[in-house]
Amino acid sequence: MAPTITIDWKADSGNMLNLPIGLQVGKLVKLGRLPVKFTLKVDYSLVKPDVFSQRWDIRFQVTPVIPSLLKEVLFK
């Protein structure tokens, strides 16, 4: 879980805070020789501003994992 909590300090007191709670799952798979990480995250806002806000946030992310560019350890 990594919620994005936002506060608008200039808004009215009832519309300042966005407080989401959610769940994230991920899976690392190999596509050919390249490892790829797939992640799905769903957040639900428990507290949200009345105007221009969303109740649900769904994200799907694909991250290729490239091999290390440095072959040796930098610090020992």
PDB file of N, CA and C in Angstrom:
ATOM      1  N   MET A   1       0.840  -1.172   0.000  1.00  0.00           N
ATOM      2  CA  MET A   1       0.000   0.000   0.000  1.00  0.00           C
ATOM      3  C   MET A   1       0.887   1.238   0.000  1.00  0.00           C
ATOM      4  N   ALA A   2       0.614   2.155  -0.888  1.00  0.00           N
ATOM      5  CA  ALA A   2       1.329   3.423  -0.963  1.00  0.00           C
ATOM      6  C   ALA A   2       0.345   4.512  -1.378  1.00  0.00           C
ATOM      7  N   PRO A   3      -0.501   4.976  -0.444  1.00  0.00           N
ATOM      8  CA  PRO A   3      -1.519   5.952  -0.818  1.00  0.00           C
ATOM      9  C   PRO A   3      -0.919   7.323  -1.125  1.00  0.00           C
ATOM     10  N   THR A   4      -1.585   8.057  -1.998  1.00  0.00           N
ATOM     11  CA  THR A   4      -1.205   9.431  -2.303  1.00  0.00           C
ATOM     12  C   THR A   4      -2.180  10.341  -1.568  1.00  0.00           C
ATOM     13  N   ILE A   5      -1.766  10.809  -0.405  1.00  0.00           N
ATOM     14  CA  ILE A   5      -2.601  11.678   0.421  1.00  0.00           C
ATOM     15  C   ILE A   5      -2.328  13.116   0.001  1.00  0.00           C
ATOM     16  N   THR A   6      -3.381  13.858  -0.308  1.00  0.00           N
ATOM     17  CA  THR A   6      -3.220  15.248  -0.724  1.00  0.00           C
ATOM     18  C   THR A   6      -4.025  16.172   0.173  1.00  0.00           C
ATOM     19  N   ILE A   7      -3.467  17.366   0.388  1.00  0.00           N
ATOM     20  CA  ILE A   7      -4.142  18.389   1.191  1.00  0.00           C
ATOM     21  C   ILE A   7      -4.063  19.708   0.431  1.00  0.00           C
ATOM     22  N   ASP A   8      -5.203  20.368   0.270  1.00  0.00           N
ATOM     23  CA  ASP A   8      -5.260  21.694  -0.341  1.00  0.00           C
ATOM     24  C   ASP A   8      -5.458  22.694   0.791  1.00  0.00           C
ATOM     25  N   TRP A   9      -4.381  23.368   1.188  1.00  0.00           N
ATOM     26  CA  TRP A   9      -4.416  24.268   2.335  1.00  0.00           C
ATOM     27  C   TRP A   9      -5.277  25.497   2.091  1.00  0.00           C
ATOM     28  N   LYS A  10      -5.567  25.829   0.831  1.00  0.00           N
ATOM     29  CA  LYS A  10      -6.357  27.022   0.521  1.00  0.00           C
ATOM     30  C   LYS A  10      -7.856  26.724   0.408  1.00  0.00           C
ATOM     31  N   ALA A  11      -8.235  25.456   0.453  1.00  0.00           N
ATOM     32  CA  ALA A  11      -9.644  25.078   0.312  1.00  0.00           C
ATOM     33  C   ALA A  11     -10.391  25.263   1.638  1.00  0.00           C
ATOM     34  N   ASP A  12     -11.721  25.174   1.557  1.00  0.00           N
ATOM     35  CA  ASP A  12     -12.538  25.218   2.768  1.00  0.00           C
ATOM     36  C   ASP A  12     -12.186  24.026   3.657  1.00  0.00           C
ATOM     37  N   SER A  13     -12.497  24.114   4.929  1.00  0.00           N
ATOM     38  CA  SER A  13     -12.085  23.078   5.881  1.00  0.00           C
ATOM     39  C   SER A  13     -12.656  21.699   5.541  1.00  0.00           C
ATOM     40  N   GLY A  14     -13.847  21.626   4.959  1.00  0.00           N
ATOM     41  CA  GLY A  14     -14.425  20.335   4.607  1.00  0.00           C
ATOM     42  C   GLY A  14     -13.927  19.756   3.298  1.00  0.00           C
ATOM     43  N   ASN A  15     -13.189  20.556   2.532  1.00  0.00           N
ATOM     44  CA  ASN A  15     -12.720  20.121   1.210  1.00  0.00           C
ATOM     45  C   ASN A  15     -11.200  20.102   1.087  1.00  0.00           C
ATOM     46  N   MET A  16     -10.498  19.995   2.180  1.00  0.00           N
ATOM     47  CA  MET A  16      -9.035  20.075   2.155  1.00  0.00           C
ATOM     48  C   MET A  16      -8.363  18.737   1.870  1.00  0.00           C
ATOM     49  N   LEU A  17      -8.873  17.664   2.396  1.00  0.00           N
ATOM     50  CA  LEU A  17      -8.143  16.403   2.487  1.00  0.00           C
ATOM     51  C   LEU A  17      -8.666  15.340   1.520  1.00  0.00           C
ATOM     52  N   ASN A  18      -7.728  14.613   0.914  1.00  0.00           N
ATOM     53  CA  ASN A  18      -8.049  13.410   0.153  1.00  0.00           C
ATOM     54  C   ASN A  18      -7.260  12.276   0.802  1.00  0.00           C
ATOM     55  N   LEU A  19      -7.956  11.305   1.396  1.00  0.00           N
ATOM     56  CA  LEU A  19      -7.324  10.229   2.145  1.00  0.00           C
ATOM     57  C   LEU A  19      -7.737   8.873   1.568  1.00  0.00           C
ATOM     58  N   PRO A  20      -6.914   8.304   0.674  1.00  0.00           N
ATOM     59  CA  PRO A  20      -7.259   7.013   0.078  1.00  0.00           C
ATOM     60  C   PRO A  20      -6.663   5.847   0.866  1.00  0.00           C
ATOM     61  N   ILE A  21      -7.288   4.703   0.713  1.00  0.00           N
ATOM     62  CA  ILE A  21      -6.768   3.442   1.231  1.00  0.00           C
ATOM     63  C   ILE A  21      -6.899   2.438   0.092  1.00  0.00           C
ATOM     64  N   GLY A  22      -5.942   1.540  -0.014  1.00  0.00           N
ATOM     65  CA  GLY A  22      -6.011   0.653  -1.164  1.00  0.00           C
ATOM     66  C   GLY A  22      -5.173  -0.597  -1.034  1.00  0.00           C
ATOM     67  N   LEU A  23      -5.116  -1.308  -2.144  1.00  0.00           N
ATOM     68  CA  LEU A  23      -4.391  -2.572  -2.217  1.00  0.00           C
ATOM     69  C   LEU A  23      -3.623  -2.609  -3.529  1.00  0.00           C
ATOM     70  N   GLN A  24      -2.425  -3.180  -3.464  1.00  0.00           N
ATOM     71  CA  GLN A  24      -1.582  -3.291  -4.652  1.00  0.00           C
ATOM     72  C   GLN A  24      -1.051  -4.709  -4.736  1.00  0.00           C
ATOM     73  N   VAL A  25      -1.140  -5.297  -5.925  1.00  0.00           N
ATOM     74  CA  VAL A  25      -0.582  -6.626  -6.173  1.00  0.00           C
ATOM     75  C   VAL A  25       0.312  -6.558  -7.401  1.00  0.00           C
ATOM     76  N   GLY A  26       1.344  -7.382  -7.387  1.00  0.00           N
ATOM     77  CA  GLY A  26       2.270  -7.381  -8.511  1.00  0.00           C
ATOM     78  C   GLY A  26       2.792  -8.771  -8.795  1.00  0.00           C
ATOM     79  N   LYS A  27       3.278  -8.952  -9.999  1.00  0.00           N
ATOM     80  CA  LYS A  27       3.804 -10.250 -10.433  1.00  0.00           C
ATOM     81  C   LYS A  27       4.973  -9.993 -11.367  1.00  0.00           C
ATOM     82  N   LEU A  28       6.075 -10.699 -11.142  1.00  0.00           N
ATOM     83  CA  LEU A  28       7.244 -10.612 -12.001  1.00  0.00           C
ATOM     84  C   LEU A  28       7.258 -11.836 -12.903  1.00  0.00           C
ATOM     85  N   VAL A  29       7.273 -11.601 -14.217  1.00  0.00           N
ATOM     86  CA  VAL A  29       7.276 -12.696 -15.190  1.00  0.00           C
ATOM     87  C   VAL A  29       8.391 -12.448 -16.197  1.00  0.00           C
ATOM     88  N   LYS A  30       8.762 -13.482 -16.919  1.00  0.00           N
ATOM     89  CA  LYS A  30       9.766 -13.355 -17.970  1.00  0.00           C
ATOM     90  C   LYS A  30       9.073 -13.385 -19.321  1.00  0.00           C
ATOM     91  N   LEU A  31       9.337 -12.360 -20.125  1.00  0.00           N
ATOM     92  CA  LEU A  31       8.871 -12.332 -21.504  1.00  0.00           C
ATOM     93  C   LEU A  31      10.109 -12.537 -22.363  1.00  0.00           C
ATOM     94  N   GLY A  32      10.316 -13.751 -22.829  1.00  0.00           N
ATOM     95  CA  GLY A  32      11.570 -14.088 -23.503  1.00  0.00           C
ATOM     96  C   GLY A  32      12.663 -14.133 -22.449  1.00  0.00           C
ATOM     97  N   ARG A  33      13.693 -13.312 -22.627  1.00  0.00           N
ATOM     98  CA  ARG A  33      14.770 -13.240 -21.646  1.00  0.00           C
ATOM     99  C   ARG A  33      14.638 -12.042 -20.716  1.00  0.00           C
ATOM    100  N   LEU A  34      13.663 -11.172 -20.968  1.00  0.00           N
ATOM    101  CA  LEU A  34      13.516  -9.940 -20.201  1.00  0.00           C
ATOM    102  C   LEU A  34      12.488 -10.105 -19.075  1.00  0.00           C
ATOM    103  N   PRO A  35      12.896  -9.891 -17.818  1.00  0.00           N
ATOM    104  CA  PRO A  35      11.919  -9.891 -16.722  1.00  0.00           C
ATOM    105  C   PRO A  35      11.058  -8.619 -16.778  1.00  0.00           C
ATOM    106  N   VAL A  36       9.760  -8.782 -16.570  1.00  0.00           N
ATOM    107  CA  VAL A  36       8.819  -7.659 -16.589  1.00  0.00           C
ATOM    108  C   VAL A  36       7.928  -7.771 -15.357  1.00  0.00           C
ATOM    109  N   LYS A  37       7.738  -6.634 -14.680  1.00  0.00           N
ATOM    110  CA  LYS A  37       6.890  -6.605 -13.481  1.00  0.00           C
ATOM    111  C   LYS A  37       5.563  -5.940 -13.824  1.00  0.00           C
ATOM    112  N   PHE A  38       4.463  -6.638 -13.559  1.00  0.00           N
ATOM    113  CA  PHE A  38       3.111  -6.116 -13.752  1.00  0.00           C
ATOM    114  C   PHE A  38       2.531  -5.799 -12.380  1.00  0.00           C
ATOM    115  N   THR A  39       1.948  -4.603 -12.233  1.00  0.00           N
ATOM    116  CA  THR A  39       1.386  -4.181 -10.961  1.00  0.00           C
ATOM    117  C   THR A  39      -0.003  -3.602 -11.186  1.00  0.00           C
ATOM    118  N   LEU A  40      -0.948  -3.974 -10.326  1.00  0.00           N
ATOM    119  CA  LEU A  40      -2.297  -3.427 -10.333  1.00  0.00           C
ATOM    120  C   LEU A  40      -2.570  -2.840  -8.958  1.00  0.00           C
ATOM    121  N   LYS A  41      -3.005  -1.573  -8.927  1.00  0.00           N
ATOM    122  CA  LYS A  41      -3.272  -0.882  -7.671  1.00  0.00           C
ATOM    123  C   LYS A  41      -4.672  -0.292  -7.710  1.00  0.00           C
ATOM    124  N   VAL A  42      -5.429  -0.492  -6.651  1.00  0.00           N
ATOM    125  CA  VAL A  42      -6.783   0.050  -6.526  1.00  0.00           C
ATOM    126  C   VAL A  42      -6.860   0.828  -5.206  1.00  0.00           C
ATOM    127  N   ASP A  43      -7.256   2.097  -5.288  1.00  0.00           N
ATOM    128  CA  ASP A  43      -7.428   2.940  -4.104  1.00  0.00           C
ATOM    129  C   ASP A  43      -8.871   3.404  -4.017  1.00  0.00           C
ATOM    130  N   TYR A  44      -9.370   3.501  -2.783  1.00  0.00           N
ATOM    131  CA  TYR A  44     -10.697   4.039  -2.497  1.00  0.00           C
ATOM    132  C   TYR A  44     -10.510   5.206  -1.535  1.00  0.00           C
ATOM    133  N   SER A  45     -11.053   6.367  -1.857  1.00  0.00           N
ATOM    134  CA  SER A  45     -10.889   7.554  -1.005  1.00  0.00           C
ATOM    135  C   SER A  45     -11.917   7.540   0.120  1.00  0.00           C
ATOM    136  N   LEU A  46     -11.421   7.376   1.341  1.00  0.00           N
ATOM    137  CA  LEU A  46     -12.299   7.416   2.512  1.00  0.00           C
ATOM    138  C   LEU A  46     -12.805   8.831   2.754  1.00  0.00           C
ATOM    139  N   VAL A  47     -11.907   9.794   2.616  1.00  0.00           N
ATOM    140  CA  VAL A  47     -12.243  11.206   2.755  1.00  0.00           C
ATOM    141  C   VAL A  47     -11.813  11.878   1.465  1.00  0.00           C
ATOM    142  N   LYS A  48     -12.706  12.676   0.863  1.00  0.00           N
ATOM    143  CA  LYS A  48     -12.367  13.335  -0.394  1.00  0.00           C
ATOM    144  C   LYS A  48     -13.066  14.676  -0.484  1.00  0.00           C
ATOM    145  N   PRO A  49     -12.482  15.612  -1.230  1.00  0.00           N
ATOM    146  CA  PRO A  49     -13.156  16.895  -1.444  1.00  0.00           C
ATOM    147  C   PRO A  49     -14.443  16.709  -2.253  1.00  0.00           C
ATOM    148  N   ASP A  50     -15.362  17.643  -2.091  1.00  0.00           N
ATOM    149  CA  ASP A  50     -16.650  17.547  -2.791  1.00  0.00           C
ATOM    150  C   ASP A  50     -16.521  17.790  -4.287  1.00  0.00           C
ATOM    151  N   VAL A  51     -15.651  18.709  -4.672  1.00  0.00           N
ATOM    152  CA  VAL A  51     -15.557  19.124  -6.065  1.00  0.00           C
ATOM    153  C   VAL A  51     -14.266  18.596  -6.700  1.00  0.00           C
ATOM    154  N   PHE A  52     -14.357  18.185  -7.948  1.00  0.00           N
ATOM    155  CA  PHE A  52     -13.201  17.760  -8.732  1.00  0.00           C
ATOM    156  C   PHE A  52     -12.359  16.698  -8.029  1.00  0.00           C
ATOM    157  N   SER A  53     -13.008  15.685  -7.516  1.00  0.00           N
ATOM    158  CA  SER A  53     -12.274  14.598  -6.873  1.00  0.00           C
ATOM    159  C   SER A  53     -12.863  13.270  -7.321  1.00  0.00           C
ATOM    160  N   GLN A  54     -12.122  12.224  -7.073  1.00  0.00           N
ATOM    161  CA  GLN A  54     -12.572  10.894  -7.485  1.00  0.00           C
ATOM    162  C   GLN A  54     -12.685   9.994  -6.263  1.00  0.00           C
ATOM    163  N   ARG A  55     -13.615   9.076  -6.315  1.00  0.00           N
ATOM    164  CA  ARG A  55     -13.801   8.124  -5.214  1.00  0.00           C
ATOM    165  C   ARG A  55     -12.864   6.932  -5.402  1.00  0.00           C
ATOM    166  N   TRP A  56     -12.682   6.470  -6.646  1.00  0.00           N
ATOM    167  CA  TRP A  56     -11.835   5.313  -6.946  1.00  0.00           C
ATOM    168  C   TRP A  56     -10.649   5.720  -7.818  1.00  0.00           C
ATOM    169  N   ASP A  57      -9.525   5.040  -7.635  1.00  0.00           N
ATOM    170  CA  ASP A  57      -8.351   5.233  -8.472  1.00  0.00           C
ATOM    171  C   ASP A  57      -7.791   3.852  -8.795  1.00  0.00           C
ATOM    172  N   ILE A  58      -7.712   3.526 -10.075  1.00  0.00           N
ATOM    173  CA  ILE A  58      -7.197   2.221 -10.508  1.00  0.00           C
ATOM    174  C   ILE A  58      -5.988   2.466 -11.399  1.00  0.00           C
ATOM    175  N   ARG A  59      -4.862   1.788 -11.094  1.00  0.00           N
ATOM    176  CA  ARG A  59      -3.634   1.950 -11.874  1.00  0.00           C
ATOM    177  C   ARG A  59      -3.091   0.591 -12.278  1.00  0.00           C
ATOM    178  N   PHE A  60      -2.645   0.514 -13.521  1.00  0.00           N
ATOM    179  CA  PHE A  60      -1.976  -0.681 -14.031  1.00  0.00           C
ATOM    180  C   PHE A  60      -0.607  -0.241 -14.538  1.00  0.00           C
ATOM    181  N   GLN A  61       0.436  -0.907 -14.077  1.00  0.00           N
ATOM    182  CA  GLN A  61       1.791  -0.488 -14.414  1.00  0.00           C
ATOM    183  C   GLN A  61       2.589  -1.675 -14.937  1.00  0.00           C
ATOM    184  N   VAL A  62       3.373  -1.430 -15.990  1.00  0.00           N
ATOM    185  CA  VAL A  62       4.270  -2.438 -16.563  1.00  0.00           C
ATOM    186  C   VAL A  62       5.686  -1.876 -16.470  1.00  0.00           C
ATOM    187  N   THR A  63       6.575  -2.624 -15.803  1.00  0.00           N
ATOM    188  CA  THR A  63       7.950  -2.167 -15.598  1.00  0.00           C
ATOM    189  C   THR A  63       8.929  -3.215 -16.103  1.00  0.00           C
ATOM    190  N   PRO A  64       9.665  -2.927 -17.190  1.00  0.00           N
ATOM    191  CA  PRO A  64      10.710  -3.858 -17.614  1.00  0.00           C
ATOM    192  C   PRO A  64      11.901  -3.756 -16.659  1.00  0.00           C
ATOM    193  N   VAL A  65      12.467  -4.891 -16.304  1.00  0.00           N
ATOM    194  CA  VAL A  65      13.621  -4.933 -15.398  1.00  0.00           C
ATOM    195  C   VAL A  65      14.856  -5.167 -16.252  1.00  0.00           C
ATOM    196  N   ILE A  66      15.648  -4.108 -16.416  1.00  0.00           N
ATOM    197  CA  ILE A  66      16.834  -4.235 -17.265  1.00  0.00           C
ATOM    198  C   ILE A  66      18.025  -4.684 -16.419  1.00  0.00           C
ATOM    199  N   PRO A  67      18.979  -5.380 -17.030  1.00  0.00           N
ATOM    200  CA  PRO A  67      20.158  -5.815 -16.284  1.00  0.00           C
ATOM    201  C   PRO A  67      20.963  -4.616 -15.778  1.00  0.00           C
ATOM    202  N   SER A  68      21.759  -4.856 -14.769  1.00  0.00           N
ATOM    203  CA  SER A  68      22.577  -3.805 -14.188  1.00  0.00           C
ATOM    204  C   SER A  68      23.589  -3.276 -15.198  1.00  0.00           C
ATOM    205  N   LEU A  69      23.738  -1.957 -15.233  1.00  0.00           N
ATOM    206  CA  LEU A  69      24.714  -1.351 -16.119  1.00  0.00           C
ATOM    207  C   LEU A  69      26.125  -1.421 -15.525  1.00  0.00           C
ATOM    208  N   LEU A  70      26.205  -1.514 -14.211  1.00  0.00           N
ATOM    209  CA  LEU A  70      27.497  -1.603 -13.531  1.00  0.00           C
ATOM    210  C   LEU A  70      27.756  -3.071 -13.189  1.00  0.00           C
ATOM    211  N   LYS A  71      28.865  -3.586 -13.613  1.00  0.00           N
ATOM    212  CA  LYS A  71      29.174  -4.998 -13.396  1.00  0.00           C
ATOM    213  C   LYS A  71      29.902  -5.229 -12.076  1.00  0.00           C
ATOM    214  N   GLU A  72      30.492  -4.169 -11.485  1.00  0.00           N
ATOM    215  CA  GLU A  72      31.254  -4.340 -10.253  1.00  0.00           C
ATOM    216  C   GLU A  72      30.606  -3.500  -9.141  1.00  0.00           C
ATOM    217  N   VAL A  73      30.924  -3.849  -7.897  1.00  0.00           N
ATOM    218  CA  VAL A  73      30.413  -3.126  -6.737  1.00  0.00           C
ATOM    219  C   VAL A  73      31.155  -1.799  -6.630  1.00  0.00           C
ATOM    220  N   LEU A  74      30.399  -0.699  -6.419  1.00  0.00           N
ATOM    221  CA  LEU A  74      31.029   0.620  -6.313  1.00  0.00           C
ATOM    222  C   LEU A  74      31.685   0.838  -4.951  1.00  0.00           C
ATOM    223  N   PHE A  75      31.014   0.405  -3.888  1.00  0.00           N
ATOM    224  CA  PHE A  75      31.531   0.630  -2.522  1.00  0.00           C
ATOM    225  C   PHE A  75      31.649  -0.713  -1.823  1.00  0.00           C
ATOM    226  N   LYS A  76      32.715  -0.850  -1.039  1.00  0.00           N
ATOM    227  CA  LYS A  76      32.902  -2.096  -0.265  1.00  0.00           C
ATOM    228  C   LYS A  76      32.898  -1.813   1.198  1.00  0.00           C
TER     229      LYS A  76
END
